[in-house]
Amino acid sequence: MLPEPANCPLCGAAAERIRSSPLRGFKYTCPSCGSFAIESAALACLLAPASTRQDVVRMRAYGHLPLIQRDKQGVRVGPSRV
């Protein structure tokens, strides 16, 4: 699939995204936040805490592709398995 233009869900900057079937969501590439994956359920949840962006940056620093997921407590960031 080709990347499509989109706004970053974390910072609002102009970014690119690619639909990812295994993740049931998207992989974003943002000039500010870097690359990360987000499930559609988490993308629909607009209540992501402000610390989510810092968690994404921290996961990238450890060499992981961050994955943003929605769970019962809200939104969490962990390493992607894809």
C-alpha atoms as a PDB file:
ATOM      1  CA  MET A   1       0.000   0.000   0.000  1.00  0.00           C
ATOM      2  CA  LEU A   2       1.064   3.543  -0.603  1.00  0.00           C
ATOM      3  CA  PRO A   3       1.363   6.054   2.238  1.00  0.00           C
ATOM      4  CA  GLU A   4      -1.435   8.579   2.492  1.00  0.00           C
ATOM      5  CA  PRO A   5      -1.199  12.048   4.018  1.00  0.00           C
ATOM      6  CA  ALA A   6      -2.733  12.415   7.480  1.00  0.00           C
ATOM      7  CA  ASN A   7      -2.342  14.449  10.638  1.00  0.00           C
ATOM      8  CA  CYS A   8      -0.421  12.806  13.460  1.00  0.00           C
ATOM      9  CA  PRO A   9      -2.909  11.722  16.156  1.00  0.00           C
ATOM     10  CA  LEU A  10      -0.369  12.604  18.875  1.00  0.00           C
ATOM     11  CA  CYS A  11       0.858  16.074  17.893  1.00  0.00           C
ATOM     12  CA  GLY A  12      -1.300  17.119  14.917  1.00  0.00           C
ATOM     13  CA  ALA A  13       1.657  17.627  12.545  1.00  0.00           C
ATOM     14  CA  ALA A  14       1.463  16.652   8.877  1.00  0.00           C
ATOM     15  CA  ALA A  15       2.384  12.960   8.671  1.00  0.00           C
ATOM     16  CA  GLU A  16       1.968   9.864   6.522  1.00  0.00           C
ATOM     17  CA  ARG A  17       0.140   6.679   7.374  1.00  0.00           C
ATOM     18  CA  ILE A  18      -0.158   3.193   5.934  1.00  0.00           C
ATOM     19  CA  ARG A  19      -3.003   0.808   6.759  1.00  0.00           C
ATOM     20  CA  SER A  20      -1.733  -2.279   8.555  1.00  0.00           C
ATOM     21  CA  SER A  21      -4.024  -5.312   8.518  1.00  0.00           C
ATOM     22  CA  PRO A  22      -2.077  -7.343  11.120  1.00  0.00           C
ATOM     23  CA  LEU A  23      -2.354  -4.454  13.577  1.00  0.00           C
ATOM     24  CA  ARG A  24      -5.965  -3.642  12.710  1.00  0.00           C
ATOM     25  CA  GLY A  25      -4.855  -0.036  12.440  1.00  0.00           C
ATOM     26  CA  PHE A  26      -2.187   2.190  10.924  1.00  0.00           C
ATOM     27  CA  LYS A  27       1.545   2.786  10.911  1.00  0.00           C
ATOM     28  CA  TYR A  28       2.312   6.514  11.119  1.00  0.00           C
ATOM     29  CA  THR A  29       5.480   8.371  10.191  1.00  0.00           C
ATOM     30  CA  CYS A  30       5.576  11.824  11.778  1.00  0.00           C
ATOM     31  CA  PRO A  31       8.480  14.300  11.545  1.00  0.00           C
ATOM     32  CA  SER A  32       8.038  15.171  15.257  1.00  0.00           C
ATOM     33  CA  CYS A  33       7.036  11.869  16.873  1.00  0.00           C
ATOM     34  CA  GLY A  34       8.789   9.425  14.527  1.00  0.00           C
ATOM     35  CA  SER A  35       7.310   6.111  13.410  1.00  0.00           C
ATOM     36  CA  PHE A  36       4.692   4.305  15.467  1.00  0.00           C
ATOM     37  CA  ALA A  37       1.709   1.996  15.061  1.00  0.00           C
ATOM     38  CA  ILE A  38      -1.780   2.597  16.407  1.00  0.00           C
ATOM     39  CA  GLU A  39      -4.800   0.319  16.536  1.00  0.00           C
ATOM     40  CA  SER A  40      -8.071   1.644  15.144  1.00  0.00           C
ATOM     41  CA  ALA A  41      -9.718   1.334  18.579  1.00  0.00           C
ATOM     42  CA  ALA A  42      -7.051   3.598  20.110  1.00  0.00           C
ATOM     43  CA  LEU A  43      -7.294   6.013  17.187  1.00  0.00           C
ATOM     44  CA  ALA A  44     -11.023   6.355  17.817  1.00  0.00           C
ATOM     45  CA  CYS A  45     -10.336   7.077  21.494  1.00  0.00           C
ATOM     46  CA  LEU A  46      -9.450  10.750  21.589  1.00  0.00           C
ATOM     47  CA  LEU A  47      -8.638  10.640  25.312  1.00  0.00           C
ATOM     48  CA  ALA A  48      -4.974   9.769  24.907  1.00  0.00           C
ATOM     49  CA  PRO A  49      -2.973  11.243  27.805  1.00  0.00           C
ATOM     50  CA  ALA A  50      -0.342  13.878  27.097  1.00  0.00           C
ATOM     51  CA  SER A  51       2.388  11.449  28.170  1.00  0.00           C
ATOM     52  CA  THR A  52       1.613   9.163  25.205  1.00  0.00           C
ATOM     53  CA  ARG A  53       3.931  11.137  22.930  1.00  0.00           C
ATOM     54  CA  GLN A  54       6.811  10.855  25.436  1.00  0.00           C
ATOM     55  CA  ASP A  55       6.151   7.119  25.771  1.00  0.00           C
ATOM     56  CA  VAL A  56       6.374   6.749  21.969  1.00  0.00           C
ATOM     57  CA  VAL A  57       9.694   8.629  21.888  1.00  0.00           C
ATOM     58  CA  ARG A  58      11.033   6.484  24.763  1.00  0.00           C
ATOM     59  CA  MET A  59      10.078   3.219  23.026  1.00  0.00           C
ATOM     60  CA  ARG A  60      11.795   4.387  19.823  1.00  0.00           C
ATOM     61  CA  ALA A  61      14.937   5.210  21.819  1.00  0.00           C
ATOM     62  CA  TYR A  62      15.064   1.553  22.914  1.00  0.00           C
ATOM     63  CA  GLY A  63      14.824   0.419  19.286  1.00  0.00           C
ATOM     64  CA  HIS A  64      11.168  -0.682  19.292  1.00  0.00           C
ATOM     65  CA  LEU A  65       8.338   0.287  16.977  1.00  0.00           C
ATOM     66  CA  PRO A  66       5.813   1.664  19.495  1.00  0.00           C
ATOM     67  CA  LEU A  67       2.268   0.310  19.379  1.00  0.00           C
ATOM     68  CA  ILE A  68      -0.563   2.373  20.843  1.00  0.00           C
ATOM     69  CA  GLN A  69      -3.463   0.213  22.025  1.00  0.00           C
ATOM     70  CA  ARG A  70      -6.718   0.806  23.825  1.00  0.00           C
ATOM     71  CA  ASP A  71      -7.479  -1.224  26.930  1.00  0.00           C
ATOM     72  CA  LYS A  72      -9.931  -1.010  29.829  1.00  0.00           C
ATOM     73  CA  GLN A  73      -7.960   1.740  31.571  1.00  0.00           C
ATOM     74  CA  GLY A  74      -7.583   3.867  28.434  1.00  0.00           C
ATOM     75  CA  VAL A  75      -4.603   4.016  26.085  1.00  0.00           C
ATOM     76  CA  ARG A  76      -1.271   2.253  26.587  1.00  0.00           C
ATOM     77  CA  VAL A  77       2.000   2.194  24.655  1.00  0.00           C
ATOM     78  CA  GLY A  78       4.056  -0.951  24.209  1.00  0.00           C
ATOM     79  CA  PRO A  79       6.401  -2.550  21.688  1.00  0.00           C
ATOM     80  CA  SER A  80       4.865  -3.753  18.436  1.00  0.00           C
ATOM     81  CA  ARG A  81       5.035  -7.450  17.649  1.00  0.00           C
ATOM     82  CA  VAL A  82       4.654  -6.925  13.897  1.00  0.00           C
END
